[in-house]
Amino acid sequence: MNRMLWGWLIAAGLLLARIAYLELDAGRQAVEGGAPEVLALVLLTGGLLAGLLGVTGLLGLLGWVAPPGAMKK
């Protein structure tokens, strides 16, 4: 895959994790509830996992996702 694609995956993962962190912080200040905390936990975990996959792909360790000649025009 393209290096820009991996970079955008990292950026999207970090953005998702930041949104989840803000949601978790806002939920802590508001009324205590279980569902928003679970949603924030899922978003935070998904965002960090997406960022981790992006970094791993950017380093070239996920080259099997798209064979070397698959992205040529």
Protein backbone atom coordinates (compact mmCIF):
# COMPACT_ATOMS: atom_id res chain seq x y z
CA MET A 1 0.00 0.00 0.00
CA ASN A 2 0.97 3.59 -0.47
CA ARG A 3 2.94 5.43 2.24
CA MET A 4 0.32 8.17 2.26
CA LEU A 5 -2.37 5.59 2.96
CA TRP A 6 -0.46 4.33 5.99
CA GLY A 7 0.04 7.91 7.14
CA TRP A 8 -3.67 8.66 6.84
CA LEU A 9 -4.46 5.47 8.77
CA ILE A 10 -2.18 6.67 11.58
CA ALA A 11 -3.80 10.11 11.56
CA ALA A 12 -7.31 8.65 11.55
CA GLY A 13 -6.46 6.33 14.43
CA LEU A 14 -5.01 9.16 16.50
CA LEU A 15 -8.02 11.36 15.73
CA LEU A 16 -10.40 8.59 16.74
CA ALA A 17 -8.49 8.00 19.97
CA ARG A 18 -8.51 11.73 20.74
CA ILE A 19 -12.27 11.97 20.17
CA ALA A 20 -12.79 8.97 22.46
CA TYR A 21 -10.58 10.51 25.13
CA LEU A 22 -12.54 13.77 24.99
CA GLU A 23 -15.80 11.83 25.21
CA LEU A 24 -14.50 9.90 28.21
CA ASP A 25 -13.38 13.11 29.90
CA ALA A 26 -16.72 14.81 29.22
CA GLY A 27 -18.59 11.76 30.54
CA ARG A 28 -16.59 11.87 33.75
CA GLN A 29 -17.67 15.45 34.39
CA ALA A 30 -21.31 14.84 33.49
CA VAL A 31 -23.75 12.32 34.91
CA GLU A 32 -22.20 8.94 35.65
CA GLY A 33 -23.33 6.28 33.18
CA GLY A 34 -22.11 2.97 31.84
CA ALA A 35 -22.86 3.16 28.11
CA PRO A 36 -20.81 6.28 27.22
CA GLU A 37 -17.79 4.87 29.06
CA VAL A 38 -18.00 1.59 27.16
CA LEU A 39 -18.40 3.43 23.85
CA ALA A 40 -15.41 5.64 24.64
CA LEU A 41 -13.37 2.56 25.58
CA VAL A 42 -14.23 0.86 22.28
CA LEU A 43 -13.40 4.02 20.30
CA LEU A 44 -10.15 4.52 22.18
CA THR A 45 -9.09 0.91 21.66
CA GLY A 46 -10.04 1.02 17.98
CA GLY A 47 -8.19 4.28 17.42
CA LEU A 48 -5.01 3.08 19.07
CA LEU A 49 -5.19 -0.21 17.19
CA ALA A 50 -5.65 1.62 13.87
CA GLY A 51 -2.65 3.82 14.68
CA LEU A 52 -0.58 0.75 15.58
CA LEU A 53 -1.50 -0.94 12.30
CA GLY A 54 -0.63 2.26 10.44
CA VAL A 55 2.81 2.48 12.05
CA THR A 56 3.45 -1.20 11.40
CA GLY A 57 2.44 -0.81 7.76
CA LEU A 58 4.52 2.33 7.36
CA LEU A 59 7.56 0.44 8.60
CA GLY A 60 6.96 -2.13 5.87
CA LEU A 61 5.99 -5.03 8.08
CA LEU A 62 2.54 -5.36 6.49
CA GLY A 63 3.76 -5.68 2.90
CA TRP A 64 1.62 -8.79 2.44
CA VAL A 65 -1.58 -6.68 2.52
CA ALA A 66 -0.99 -5.52 -1.04
CA PRO A 67 1.64 -7.28 -3.20
CA PRO A 68 4.34 -4.96 -4.57
CA GLY A 69 2.88 -4.66 -8.08
CA ALA A 70 -0.76 -4.33 -7.08
CA MET A 71 -0.82 -0.54 -6.61
CA LYS A 72 0.77 0.39 -9.97
CA LYS A 73 -1.41 2.23 -12.45
